[in-house]
Amino acid sequence: MFKYISSLKNNTANKLSMEYNDHQLLERIRAGDKNAFETTFRKFYKKLRIYAYTFVKDNEDAEEIVQQVFCKIWERRGQLRLEGALQPLLYRSVYNESLSQLRHQKVKNTFQAYQTQQMEQRELNLSHQILANELNQHIQRAIAELPEQCRTIFQMSRFEQLKYQQIADALNISIKTVENQMGKALKVLRIKLVEFLPLIILLLYLM
């Protein structure tokens, strides 16, 4: 039906538009008169397309709206109210169809924006993970290169979250030794990881 209606838009109104007034055309459409339907389409198409354009601001969308309106009118012709005037019916139908199109487009745009945002977030999370993994590898390598006692004390403090006194008791060394070794470990790690400072700052920004 839509293809059939689309084929009518470039034709001019036929003689029926002069033989019958709008109310009579509406009656004949309701009765299933295809000639009356074609006449009505050709008579009002251009005006309705211009009217639809004032809402959607797109010629193709305006054409589609008018064609959709006439499709629905023909499909529901048996439900048309004969006491109503034809022209207000058509303009009201185009108005409603235009609003429906705008609502649909708004929902579509919102969904597309949501999809884009989710995709960007996934890409950001992936980049974040890659950077974090890369930095972690450098940190683990730097820790592995620490002297044994220095490395053990650092790991107990940072990874096991033990206090200095607990580390001293566990290793049977003085708390002063723990403090010195921690200071040494941090100094060495700062030197070894200084070239990765931009990466660390970027990760802190992304978190």
N, C-alpha and C. Protein backbone atom coordinates (compact mmCIF):
# COMPACT_ATOMS: atom_id res chain seq x y z
N MET A 1 0.84 -1.22 0.00
CA MET A 1 0.00 0.00 0.00
C MET A 1 0.87 1.26 0.00
N PHE A 2 1.93 1.23 0.78
CA PHE A 2 2.81 2.39 0.88
C PHE A 2 3.44 2.70 -0.48
N LYS A 3 3.86 1.65 -1.20
CA LYS A 3 4.46 1.82 -2.52
C LYS A 3 3.44 2.41 -3.49
N TYR A 4 2.22 1.94 -3.36
CA TYR A 4 1.15 2.44 -4.24
C TYR A 4 0.90 3.93 -3.98
N ILE A 5 0.82 4.30 -2.73
CA ILE A 5 0.59 5.71 -2.39
C ILE A 5 1.75 6.58 -2.85
N SER A 6 2.97 6.06 -2.69
CA SER A 6 4.15 6.81 -3.11
C SER A 6 4.10 7.12 -4.60
N SER A 7 3.51 6.22 -5.39
CA SER A 7 3.45 6.42 -6.84
C SER A 7 2.47 7.52 -7.23
N LEU A 8 1.61 7.94 -6.31
CA LEU A 8 0.58 8.94 -6.63
C LEU A 8 1.07 10.37 -6.48
N LYS A 9 2.18 10.56 -5.74
CA LYS A 9 2.52 11.91 -5.32
C LYS A 9 2.89 12.86 -6.46
N ASN A 10 3.34 12.34 -7.58
CA ASN A 10 3.74 13.20 -8.69
C ASN A 10 2.61 13.45 -9.69
N ASN A 11 1.46 12.85 -9.44
CA ASN A 11 0.32 13.05 -10.33
C ASN A 11 -0.53 14.22 -9.87
N THR A 12 -1.26 14.78 -10.80
CA THR A 12 -2.13 15.91 -10.46
C THR A 12 -3.52 15.41 -10.13
N ALA A 13 -4.29 16.25 -9.47
CA ALA A 13 -5.65 15.87 -9.08
C ALA A 13 -6.49 15.60 -10.34
N ASN A 14 -7.33 14.59 -10.25
CA ASN A 14 -8.17 14.28 -11.40
C ASN A 14 -9.51 15.00 -11.31
N LYS A 15 -10.38 14.70 -12.23
CA LYS A 15 -11.63 15.46 -12.33
C LYS A 15 -12.57 15.21 -11.15
N LEU A 16 -12.35 14.12 -10.41
CA LEU A 16 -13.22 13.86 -9.25
C LEU A 16 -13.14 14.99 -8.23
N SER A 17 -11.97 15.65 -8.15
CA SER A 17 -11.81 16.73 -7.17
C SER A 17 -12.73 17.91 -7.50
N MET A 18 -13.13 17.99 -8.74
CA MET A 18 -14.06 19.05 -9.12
C MET A 18 -15.50 18.58 -9.00
N GLU A 19 -15.74 17.29 -9.10
CA GLU A 19 -17.10 16.76 -9.06
C GLU A 19 -17.64 16.63 -7.65
N TYR A 20 -16.74 16.38 -6.68
CA TYR A 20 -17.17 16.13 -5.31
C TYR A 20 -16.48 17.09 -4.34
N ASN A 21 -17.23 17.52 -3.32
CA ASN A 21 -16.61 18.33 -2.27
C ASN A 21 -15.88 17.40 -1.29
N ASP A 22 -15.21 18.02 -0.32
CA ASP A 22 -14.39 17.22 0.59
C ASP A 22 -15.21 16.22 1.38
N HIS A 23 -16.39 16.62 1.81
CA HIS A 23 -17.22 15.71 2.60
C HIS A 23 -17.64 14.51 1.76
N GLN A 24 -17.96 14.76 0.51
CA GLN A 24 -18.35 13.67 -0.37
C GLN A 24 -17.17 12.72 -0.65
N LEU A 25 -15.98 13.32 -0.78
CA LEU A 25 -14.78 12.48 -0.97
C LEU A 25 -14.56 11.58 0.24
N LEU A 26 -14.77 12.15 1.43
CA LEU A 26 -14.62 11.37 2.66
C LEU A 26 -15.61 10.21 2.70
N GLU A 27 -16.84 10.48 2.29
CA GLU A 27 -17.86 9.43 2.24
C GLU A 27 -17.45 8.32 1.28
N ARG A 28 -16.94 8.71 0.11
CA ARG A 28 -16.58 7.72 -0.90
C ARG A 28 -15.35 6.91 -0.46
N ILE A 29 -14.40 7.57 0.23
CA ILE A 29 -13.24 6.85 0.76
C ILE A 29 -13.70 5.82 1.78
N ARG A 30 -14.63 6.23 2.65
CA ARG A 30 -15.14 5.32 3.68
C ARG A 30 -15.83 4.11 3.04
N ALA A 31 -16.40 4.35 1.88
CA ALA A 31 -17.10 3.28 1.17
C ALA A 31 -16.13 2.41 0.36
N GLY A 32 -14.83 2.79 0.34
CA GLY A 32 -13.83 1.99 -0.36
C GLY A 32 -13.57 2.41 -1.78
N ASP A 33 -13.94 3.65 -2.12
CA ASP A 33 -13.74 4.15 -3.49
C ASP A 33 -12.27 4.56 -3.65
N LYS A 34 -11.54 3.78 -4.44
CA LYS A 34 -10.11 4.04 -4.60
C LYS A 34 -9.85 5.32 -5.40
N ASN A 35 -10.73 5.63 -6.36
CA ASN A 35 -10.56 6.86 -7.13
C ASN A 35 -10.68 8.09 -6.24
N ALA A 36 -11.63 8.04 -5.30
CA ALA A 36 -11.80 9.15 -4.37
C ALA A 36 -10.57 9.28 -3.47
N PHE A 37 -10.02 8.15 -3.08
CA PHE A 37 -8.82 8.15 -2.25
C PHE A 37 -7.64 8.78 -3.00
N GLU A 38 -7.45 8.36 -4.26
CA GLU A 38 -6.37 8.90 -5.08
C GLU A 38 -6.55 10.40 -5.28
N THR A 39 -7.79 10.80 -5.52
CA THR A 39 -8.08 12.22 -5.72
C THR A 39 -7.73 13.04 -4.48
N THR A 40 -8.10 12.52 -3.33
CA THR A 40 -7.82 13.21 -2.07
C THR A 40 -6.32 13.33 -1.84
N PHE A 41 -5.60 12.26 -2.12
CA PHE A 41 -4.14 12.29 -1.94
C PHE A 41 -3.52 13.36 -2.83
N ARG A 42 -3.90 13.36 -4.11
CA ARG A 42 -3.31 14.31 -5.05
C ARG A 42 -3.70 15.75 -4.73
N LYS A 43 -4.88 15.91 -4.20
CA LYS A 43 -5.36 17.26 -3.89
C LYS A 43 -4.64 17.87 -2.70
N PHE A 44 -4.32 17.05 -1.69
CA PHE A 44 -3.77 17.59 -0.44
C PHE A 44 -2.29 17.28 -0.20
N TYR A 45 -1.71 16.45 -1.05
CA TYR A 45 -0.36 15.96 -0.77
C TYR A 45 0.66 17.08 -0.54
N LYS A 46 0.75 18.01 -1.50
CA LYS A 46 1.77 19.06 -1.40
C LYS A 46 1.60 19.92 -0.16
N LYS A 47 0.35 20.31 0.13
CA LYS A 47 0.09 21.15 1.30
C LYS A 47 0.44 20.40 2.59
N LEU A 48 0.10 19.13 2.65
CA LEU A 48 0.37 18.35 3.85
C LEU A 48 1.86 18.09 4.02
N ARG A 49 2.56 17.92 2.90
CA ARG A 49 4.01 17.71 2.98
C ARG A 49 4.69 18.97 3.53
N ILE A 50 4.26 20.13 3.06
CA ILE A 50 4.81 21.39 3.57
C ILE A 50 4.51 21.54 5.06
N TYR A 51 3.31 21.15 5.45
CA TYR A 51 2.90 21.23 6.86
C TYR A 51 3.77 20.30 7.71
N ALA A 52 3.98 19.09 7.23
CA ALA A 52 4.80 18.13 7.98
C ALA A 52 6.24 18.63 8.09
N TYR A 53 6.71 19.29 7.03
CA TYR A 53 8.10 19.79 7.02
C TYR A 53 8.32 20.82 8.13
N THR A 54 7.28 21.57 8.48
CA THR A 54 7.44 22.59 9.53
C THR A 54 7.78 21.95 10.87
N PHE A 55 7.49 20.67 11.01
CA PHE A 55 7.81 19.95 12.26
C PHE A 55 9.14 19.21 12.17
N VAL A 56 9.33 18.44 11.10
CA VAL A 56 10.48 17.53 11.05
C VAL A 56 11.69 18.13 10.33
N LYS A 57 11.49 19.21 9.58
CA LYS A 57 12.59 19.91 8.91
C LYS A 57 13.39 19.02 7.96
N ASP A 58 12.72 18.08 7.35
CA ASP A 58 13.39 17.19 6.40
C ASP A 58 12.38 16.76 5.34
N ASN A 59 12.72 16.96 4.07
CA ASN A 59 11.77 16.70 2.99
C ASN A 59 11.38 15.23 2.91
N GLU A 60 12.36 14.35 3.00
CA GLU A 60 12.07 12.92 2.91
C GLU A 60 11.20 12.45 4.07
N ASP A 61 11.51 12.93 5.26
CA ASP A 61 10.70 12.56 6.43
C ASP A 61 9.28 13.10 6.28
N ALA A 62 9.16 14.33 5.75
CA ALA A 62 7.84 14.93 5.56
C ALA A 62 7.02 14.12 4.57
N GLU A 63 7.66 13.70 3.47
CA GLU A 63 6.97 12.86 2.48
C GLU A 63 6.51 11.55 3.11
N GLU A 64 7.39 10.94 3.87
CA GLU A 64 7.05 9.65 4.50
C GLU A 64 5.88 9.80 5.47
N ILE A 65 5.87 10.90 6.21
CA ILE A 65 4.79 11.14 7.17
C ILE A 65 3.44 11.22 6.46
N VAL A 66 3.39 12.01 5.37
CA VAL A 66 2.14 12.16 4.63
C VAL A 66 1.68 10.82 4.05
N GLN A 67 2.63 10.06 3.53
CA GLN A 67 2.28 8.76 2.97
C GLN A 67 1.79 7.80 4.06
N GLN A 68 2.41 7.86 5.22
CA GLN A 68 1.96 7.03 6.34
C GLN A 68 0.54 7.39 6.75
N VAL A 69 0.26 8.69 6.76
CA VAL A 69 -1.09 9.15 7.13
C VAL A 69 -2.13 8.58 6.17
N PHE A 70 -1.85 8.66 4.89
CA PHE A 70 -2.81 8.15 3.91
C PHE A 70 -2.92 6.62 3.95
N CYS A 71 -1.82 5.96 4.26
CA CYS A 71 -1.88 4.50 4.44
C CYS A 71 -2.85 4.15 5.55
N LYS A 72 -2.72 4.85 6.68
CA LYS A 72 -3.57 4.57 7.83
C LYS A 72 -5.04 4.91 7.53
N ILE A 73 -5.25 6.01 6.80
CA ILE A 73 -6.62 6.39 6.46
C ILE A 73 -7.27 5.30 5.60
N TRP A 74 -6.53 4.79 4.62
CA TRP A 74 -7.11 3.75 3.76
C TRP A 74 -7.33 2.45 4.54
N GLU A 75 -6.36 2.11 5.36
CA GLU A 75 -6.48 0.86 6.13
C GLU A 75 -7.61 0.93 7.15
N ARG A 76 -7.90 2.14 7.64
CA ARG A 76 -8.94 2.30 8.66
C ARG A 76 -10.14 3.07 8.13
N ARG A 77 -10.31 3.02 6.83
CA ARG A 77 -11.36 3.82 6.19
C ARG A 77 -12.75 3.53 6.75
N GLY A 78 -12.98 2.29 7.16
CA GLY A 78 -14.29 1.94 7.70
C GLY A 78 -14.59 2.61 9.03
N GLN A 79 -13.56 3.16 9.68
CA GLN A 79 -13.75 3.81 10.98
C GLN A 79 -13.84 5.33 10.87
N LEU A 80 -13.74 5.86 9.64
CA LEU A 80 -13.78 7.31 9.46
C LEU A 80 -15.15 7.87 9.87
N ARG A 81 -15.11 8.99 10.55
CA ARG A 81 -16.36 9.64 10.97
C ARG A 81 -16.84 10.56 9.86
N LEU A 82 -18.03 10.30 9.34
CA LEU A 82 -18.54 11.07 8.22
C LEU A 82 -18.94 12.49 8.59
N GLU A 83 -19.20 12.71 9.90
CA GLU A 83 -19.59 14.07 10.29
C GLU A 83 -18.40 15.01 10.38
N GLY A 84 -17.20 14.43 10.31
CA GLY A 84 -16.00 15.27 10.38
C GLY A 84 -15.63 15.81 9.02
N ALA A 85 -14.94 16.96 9.00
CA ALA A 85 -14.49 17.55 7.75
C ALA A 85 -13.19 16.88 7.32
N LEU A 86 -12.99 16.74 6.03
CA LEU A 86 -11.83 16.01 5.51
C LEU A 86 -10.52 16.75 5.76
N GLN A 87 -10.47 18.03 5.43
CA GLN A 87 -9.21 18.76 5.54
C GLN A 87 -8.68 18.82 6.98
N PRO A 88 -9.52 19.17 7.99
CA PRO A 88 -9.01 19.14 9.37
C PRO A 88 -8.55 17.76 9.81
N LEU A 89 -9.22 16.73 9.32
CA LEU A 89 -8.83 15.36 9.62
C LEU A 89 -7.41 15.07 9.12
N LEU A 90 -7.14 15.48 7.89
CA LEU A 90 -5.83 15.23 7.30
C LEU A 90 -4.74 16.00 8.03
N TYR A 91 -5.00 17.27 8.32
CA TYR A 91 -3.98 18.08 9.00
C TYR A 91 -3.75 17.58 10.43
N ARG A 92 -4.80 17.19 11.08
CA ARG A 92 -4.65 16.65 12.45
C ARG A 92 -3.86 15.34 12.43
N SER A 93 -4.12 14.53 11.42
CA SER A 93 -3.40 13.25 11.29
C SER A 93 -1.92 13.49 11.02
N VAL A 94 -1.62 14.44 10.15
CA VAL A 94 -0.22 14.76 9.85
C VAL A 94 0.47 15.32 11.10
N TYR A 95 -0.24 16.15 11.82
CA TYR A 95 0.32 16.71 13.07
C TYR A 95 0.69 15.59 14.05
N ASN A 96 -0.25 14.66 14.25
CA ASN A 96 -0.01 13.56 15.19
C ASN A 96 1.13 12.65 14.72
N GLU A 97 1.15 12.39 13.42
CA GLU A 97 2.20 11.53 12.87
C GLU A 97 3.57 12.21 12.97
N SER A 98 3.59 13.53 12.80
CA SER A 98 4.85 14.27 12.91
C SER A 98 5.38 14.22 14.34
N LEU A 99 4.50 14.41 15.31
CA LEU A 99 4.91 14.33 16.71
C LEU A 99 5.42 12.94 17.05
N SER A 100 4.74 11.93 16.52
CA SER A 100 5.17 10.55 16.75
C SER A 100 6.56 10.32 16.17
N GLN A 101 6.79 10.87 14.98
CA GLN A 101 8.11 10.74 14.33
C GLN A 101 9.18 11.42 15.16
N LEU A 102 8.87 12.60 15.68
CA LEU A 102 9.84 13.35 16.49
C LEU A 102 10.15 12.61 17.78
N ARG A 103 9.11 12.03 18.41
CA ARG A 103 9.33 11.26 19.64
C ARG A 103 10.19 10.04 19.35
N HIS A 104 9.89 9.37 18.23
CA HIS A 104 10.67 8.19 17.85
C HIS A 104 12.13 8.56 17.60
N GLN A 105 12.34 9.69 16.92
CA GLN A 105 13.69 10.13 16.62
C GLN A 105 14.44 10.50 17.90
N LYS A 106 13.71 11.11 18.85
CA LYS A 106 14.33 11.48 20.12
C LYS A 106 14.77 10.23 20.88
N VAL A 107 13.89 9.24 20.91
CA VAL A 107 14.23 7.98 21.58
C VAL A 107 15.42 7.32 20.89
N LYS A 108 15.41 7.33 19.56
CA LYS A 108 16.49 6.73 18.78
C LYS A 108 17.81 7.44 19.06
N ASN A 109 17.77 8.78 19.08
CA ASN A 109 18.99 9.55 19.33
C ASN A 109 19.51 9.29 20.75
N THR A 110 18.57 9.20 21.71
CA THR A 110 18.96 8.95 23.09
C THR A 110 19.62 7.58 23.21
N PHE A 111 19.05 6.59 22.54
CA PHE A 111 19.60 5.24 22.59
C PHE A 111 20.97 5.19 21.92
N GLN A 112 21.11 5.86 20.78
CA GLN A 112 22.39 5.89 20.09
C GLN A 112 23.45 6.58 20.93
N ALA A 113 23.05 7.67 21.62
CA ALA A 113 23.99 8.37 22.50
C ALA A 113 24.41 7.47 23.65
N TYR A 114 23.44 6.70 24.18
CA TYR A 114 23.74 5.76 25.27
C TYR A 114 24.71 4.68 24.80
N GLN A 115 24.46 4.13 23.60
CA GLN A 115 25.34 3.10 23.05
C GLN A 115 26.76 3.64 22.85
N THR A 116 26.83 4.87 22.32
CA THR A 116 28.15 5.50 22.10
C THR A 116 28.88 5.70 23.41
N GLN A 117 28.13 6.16 24.43
CA GLN A 117 28.73 6.38 25.74
C GLN A 117 29.24 5.07 26.34
N GLN A 118 28.42 4.00 26.20
CA GLN A 118 28.83 2.71 26.74
C GLN A 118 30.06 2.17 26.01
N MET A 119 30.11 2.36 24.71
CA MET A 119 31.25 1.90 23.93
C MET A 119 32.51 2.65 24.34
N GLU A 120 32.37 3.97 24.49
CA GLU A 120 33.52 4.79 24.90
C GLU A 120 34.00 4.39 26.29
N GLN A 121 33.03 4.08 27.18
CA GLN A 121 33.39 3.68 28.54
C GLN A 121 34.12 2.34 28.53
N ARG A 122 33.65 1.40 27.69
CA ARG A 122 34.32 0.10 27.60
C ARG A 122 35.74 0.26 27.06
N GLU A 123 35.90 1.13 26.06
CA GLU A 123 37.23 1.37 25.49
C GLU A 123 38.14 2.02 26.53
N LEU A 124 37.56 2.95 27.32
CA LEU A 124 38.33 3.62 28.36
C LEU A 124 38.75 2.62 29.44
N ASN A 125 37.83 1.75 29.83
CA ASN A 125 38.15 0.73 30.84
C ASN A 125 39.22 -0.22 30.35
N LEU A 126 39.14 -0.58 29.06
CA LEU A 126 40.15 -1.47 28.49
C LEU A 126 41.52 -0.81 28.46
N SER A 127 41.54 0.47 28.05
CA SER A 127 42.80 1.21 28.04
C SER A 127 43.37 1.33 29.44
N HIS A 128 42.47 1.60 30.39
CA HIS A 128 42.88 1.71 31.79
C HIS A 128 43.51 0.40 32.26
N GLN A 129 42.87 -0.73 31.92
CA GLN A 129 43.37 -2.03 32.34
C GLN A 129 44.73 -2.33 31.71
N ILE A 130 44.87 -2.00 30.43
CA ILE A 130 46.14 -2.24 29.75
C ILE A 130 47.26 -1.43 30.40
N LEU A 131 46.96 -0.15 30.67
CA LEU A 131 47.96 0.71 31.31
C LEU A 131 48.31 0.21 32.71
N ALA A 132 47.27 -0.21 33.45
CA ALA A 132 47.49 -0.71 34.81
C ALA A 132 48.35 -1.98 34.79
N ASN A 133 48.07 -2.87 33.84
CA ASN A 133 48.85 -4.10 33.73
C ASN A 133 50.30 -3.80 33.37
N GLU A 134 50.48 -2.85 32.46
CA GLU A 134 51.84 -2.48 32.05
C GLU A 134 52.62 -1.89 33.23
N LEU A 135 51.97 -1.00 33.96
CA LEU A 135 52.64 -0.38 35.11
C LEU A 135 52.94 -1.43 36.18
N ASN A 136 52.00 -2.33 36.42
CA ASN A 136 52.20 -3.37 37.43
C ASN A 136 53.41 -4.24 37.09
N GLN A 137 53.60 -4.54 35.82
CA GLN A 137 54.74 -5.34 35.39
C GLN A 137 56.05 -4.63 35.73
N HIS A 138 56.08 -3.31 35.48
CA HIS A 138 57.29 -2.54 35.78
C HIS A 138 57.54 -2.48 37.29
N ILE A 139 56.47 -2.33 38.05
CA ILE A 139 56.61 -2.27 39.50
C ILE A 139 57.13 -3.60 40.05
N GLN A 140 56.52 -4.71 39.57
CA GLN A 140 56.95 -6.03 40.03
C GLN A 140 58.41 -6.30 39.67
N ARG A 141 58.81 -5.85 38.49
CA ARG A 141 60.20 -6.04 38.06
C ARG A 141 61.14 -5.22 38.94
N ALA A 142 60.72 -3.99 39.27
CA ALA A 142 61.56 -3.14 40.11
C ALA A 142 61.68 -3.71 41.52
N ILE A 143 60.58 -4.26 42.05
CA ILE A 143 60.60 -4.86 43.39
C ILE A 143 61.51 -6.09 43.40
N ALA A 144 61.42 -6.88 42.32
CA ALA A 144 62.22 -8.11 42.25
C ALA A 144 63.72 -7.81 42.25
N GLU A 145 64.11 -6.62 41.80
CA GLU A 145 65.52 -6.25 41.73
C GLU A 145 66.04 -5.67 43.04
N LEU A 146 65.18 -5.49 44.06
CA LEU A 146 65.63 -5.01 45.37
C LEU A 146 66.44 -6.10 46.08
N PRO A 147 67.37 -5.70 46.94
CA PRO A 147 68.08 -6.69 47.77
C PRO A 147 67.06 -7.51 48.55
N GLU A 148 67.41 -8.75 48.88
CA GLU A 148 66.45 -9.70 49.46
C GLU A 148 65.74 -9.16 50.70
N GLN A 149 66.53 -8.69 51.69
CA GLN A 149 65.90 -8.22 52.93
C GLN A 149 65.05 -6.98 52.68
N CYS A 150 65.56 -6.10 51.85
CA CYS A 150 64.83 -4.88 51.50
C CYS A 150 63.51 -5.23 50.82
N ARG A 151 63.56 -6.19 49.89
CA ARG A 151 62.35 -6.62 49.16
C ARG A 151 61.34 -7.26 50.11
N THR A 152 61.82 -8.11 51.02
CA THR A 152 60.94 -8.80 51.96
C THR A 152 60.21 -7.80 52.86
N ILE A 153 60.94 -6.84 53.37
CA ILE A 153 60.35 -5.83 54.26
C ILE A 153 59.32 -4.98 53.50
N PHE A 154 59.67 -4.59 52.29
CA PHE A 154 58.75 -3.79 51.48
C PHE A 154 57.46 -4.55 51.20
N GLN A 155 57.57 -5.82 50.81
CA GLN A 155 56.39 -6.62 50.50
C GLN A 155 55.51 -6.84 51.74
N MET A 156 56.15 -7.07 52.90
CA MET A 156 55.38 -7.25 54.13
C MET A 156 54.63 -5.98 54.51
N SER A 157 55.26 -4.84 54.24
CA SER A 157 54.63 -3.56 54.59
C SER A 157 53.52 -3.19 53.60
N ARG A 158 53.83 -3.28 52.32
CA ARG A 158 52.88 -2.80 51.31
C ARG A 158 51.81 -3.83 50.94
N PHE A 159 52.17 -5.08 50.82
CA PHE A 159 51.23 -6.09 50.34
C PHE A 159 50.51 -6.83 51.47
N GLU A 160 51.25 -7.07 52.58
CA GLU A 160 50.62 -7.73 53.73
C GLU A 160 50.09 -6.72 54.74
N GLN A 161 50.45 -5.44 54.52
CA GLN A 161 49.98 -4.32 55.35
C GLN A 161 50.30 -4.51 56.84
N LEU A 162 51.52 -4.99 57.07
CA LEU A 162 51.98 -5.14 58.46
C LEU A 162 52.63 -3.84 58.92
N LYS A 163 52.51 -3.57 60.20
CA LYS A 163 53.16 -2.40 60.77
C LYS A 163 54.64 -2.69 60.97
N TYR A 164 55.43 -1.62 61.11
CA TYR A 164 56.88 -1.78 61.23
C TYR A 164 57.25 -2.68 62.41
N GLN A 165 56.58 -2.53 63.51
CA GLN A 165 56.90 -3.34 64.69
C GLN A 165 56.58 -4.82 64.43
N GLN A 166 55.49 -5.08 63.71
CA GLN A 166 55.14 -6.47 63.39
C GLN A 166 56.19 -7.09 62.47
N ILE A 167 56.69 -6.30 61.52
CA ILE A 167 57.73 -6.79 60.62
C ILE A 167 59.01 -7.07 61.39
N ALA A 168 59.36 -6.16 62.28
CA ALA A 168 60.58 -6.33 63.08
C ALA A 168 60.49 -7.59 63.93
N ASP A 169 59.35 -7.82 64.55
CA ASP A 169 59.17 -9.02 65.37
C ASP A 169 59.22 -10.28 64.53
N ALA A 170 58.60 -10.23 63.32
CA ALA A 170 58.56 -11.42 62.47
C ALA A 170 59.94 -11.80 61.94
N LEU A 171 60.78 -10.79 61.65
CA LEU A 171 62.10 -11.05 61.08
C LEU A 171 63.20 -11.04 62.12
N ASN A 172 62.81 -10.74 63.40
CA ASN A 172 63.77 -10.70 64.49
C ASN A 172 64.86 -9.67 64.23
N ILE A 173 64.42 -8.49 63.80
CA ILE A 173 65.33 -7.36 63.57
C ILE A 173 64.77 -6.14 64.29
N SER A 174 65.58 -5.08 64.37
CA SER A 174 65.11 -3.88 65.06
C SER A 174 64.16 -3.09 64.18
N ILE A 175 63.31 -2.31 64.81
CA ILE A 175 62.37 -1.47 64.04
C ILE A 175 63.12 -0.42 63.24
N LYS A 176 64.32 -0.04 63.75
CA LYS A 176 65.14 0.94 63.04
C LYS A 176 65.61 0.36 61.71
N THR A 177 65.94 -0.94 61.72
CA THR A 177 66.36 -1.61 60.48
C THR A 177 65.21 -1.65 59.48
N VAL A 178 64.02 -1.90 59.98
CA VAL A 178 62.84 -1.91 59.11
C VAL A 178 62.65 -0.55 58.47
N GLU A 179 62.75 0.51 59.26
CA GLU A 179 62.58 1.87 58.75
C GLU A 179 63.63 2.19 57.69
N ASN A 180 64.89 1.81 57.95
CA ASN A 180 65.97 2.09 57.01
C ASN A 180 65.77 1.34 55.69
N GLN A 181 65.38 0.06 55.79
CA GLN A 181 65.18 -0.74 54.60
C GLN A 181 63.98 -0.26 53.78
N MET A 182 62.93 0.20 54.47
CA MET A 182 61.77 0.75 53.76
C MET A 182 62.15 2.03 53.03
N GLY A 183 62.94 2.87 53.69
CA GLY A 183 63.40 4.10 53.05
C GLY A 183 64.24 3.81 51.83
N LYS A 184 65.11 2.78 51.94
CA LYS A 184 65.95 2.37 50.83
C LYS A 184 65.10 1.84 49.68
N ALA A 185 64.10 1.02 50.01
CA ALA A 185 63.23 0.44 48.97
C ALA A 185 62.48 1.52 48.22
N LEU A 186 61.93 2.46 48.93
CA LEU A 186 61.15 3.53 48.29
C LEU A 186 62.04 4.41 47.41
N LYS A 187 63.26 4.66 47.87
CA LYS A 187 64.19 5.48 47.10
C LYS A 187 64.55 4.78 45.79
N VAL A 188 64.85 3.47 45.88
CA VAL A 188 65.20 2.71 44.68
C VAL A 188 64.03 2.65 43.71
N LEU A 189 62.83 2.41 44.22
CA LEU A 189 61.65 2.31 43.35
C LEU A 189 61.36 3.65 42.68
N ARG A 190 61.54 4.75 43.39
CA ARG A 190 61.33 6.07 42.79
C ARG A 190 62.27 6.28 41.61
N ILE A 191 63.52 5.86 41.79
CA ILE A 191 64.51 6.02 40.72
C ILE A 191 64.18 5.14 39.53
N LYS A 192 63.83 3.88 39.80
CA LYS A 192 63.56 2.92 38.73
C LYS A 192 62.26 3.23 37.97
N LEU A 193 61.32 3.85 38.68
CA LEU A 193 60.00 4.09 38.07
C LEU A 193 59.77 5.54 37.65
N VAL A 194 60.83 6.37 37.73
CA VAL A 194 60.65 7.79 37.43
C VAL A 194 60.17 8.00 35.99
N GLU A 195 60.65 7.15 35.05
CA GLU A 195 60.25 7.31 33.65
C GLU A 195 58.79 6.93 33.42
N PHE A 196 58.19 6.26 34.39
CA PHE A 196 56.78 5.85 34.27
C PHE A 196 55.85 6.79 35.04
N LEU A 197 56.38 7.91 35.50
CA LEU A 197 55.55 8.86 36.25
C LEU A 197 54.37 9.37 35.44
N PRO A 198 54.54 9.70 34.13
CA PRO A 198 53.37 10.13 33.34
C PRO A 198 52.28 9.04 33.30
N LEU A 199 52.70 7.77 33.23
CA LEU A 199 51.75 6.67 33.20
C LEU A 199 51.00 6.56 34.52
N ILE A 200 51.71 6.74 35.63
CA ILE A 200 51.09 6.70 36.95
C ILE A 200 50.08 7.83 37.11
N ILE A 201 50.45 9.04 36.66
CA ILE A 201 49.56 10.20 36.75
C ILE A 201 48.30 9.96 35.91
N LEU A 202 48.50 9.39 34.69
CA LEU A 202 47.36 9.11 33.81
C LEU A 202 46.41 8.11 34.45
N LEU A 203 46.96 7.08 35.07
CA LEU A 203 46.12 6.07 35.73
C LEU A 203 45.34 6.69 36.89
N LEU A 204 45.99 7.55 37.63
CA LEU A 204 45.30 8.21 38.76
C LEU A 204 44.19 9.11 38.22
N TYR A 205 44.40 9.72 37.06
CA TYR A 205 43.37 10.58 36.46
C TYR A 205 42.18 9.75 35.98
N LEU A 206 42.45 8.55 35.44
CA LEU A 206 41.38 7.70 34.90
C LEU A 206 40.60 7.01 36.00
N MET A 207 41.15 6.84 37.17
CA MET A 207 40.49 6.11 38.25
C MET A 207 39.33 6.90 38.82
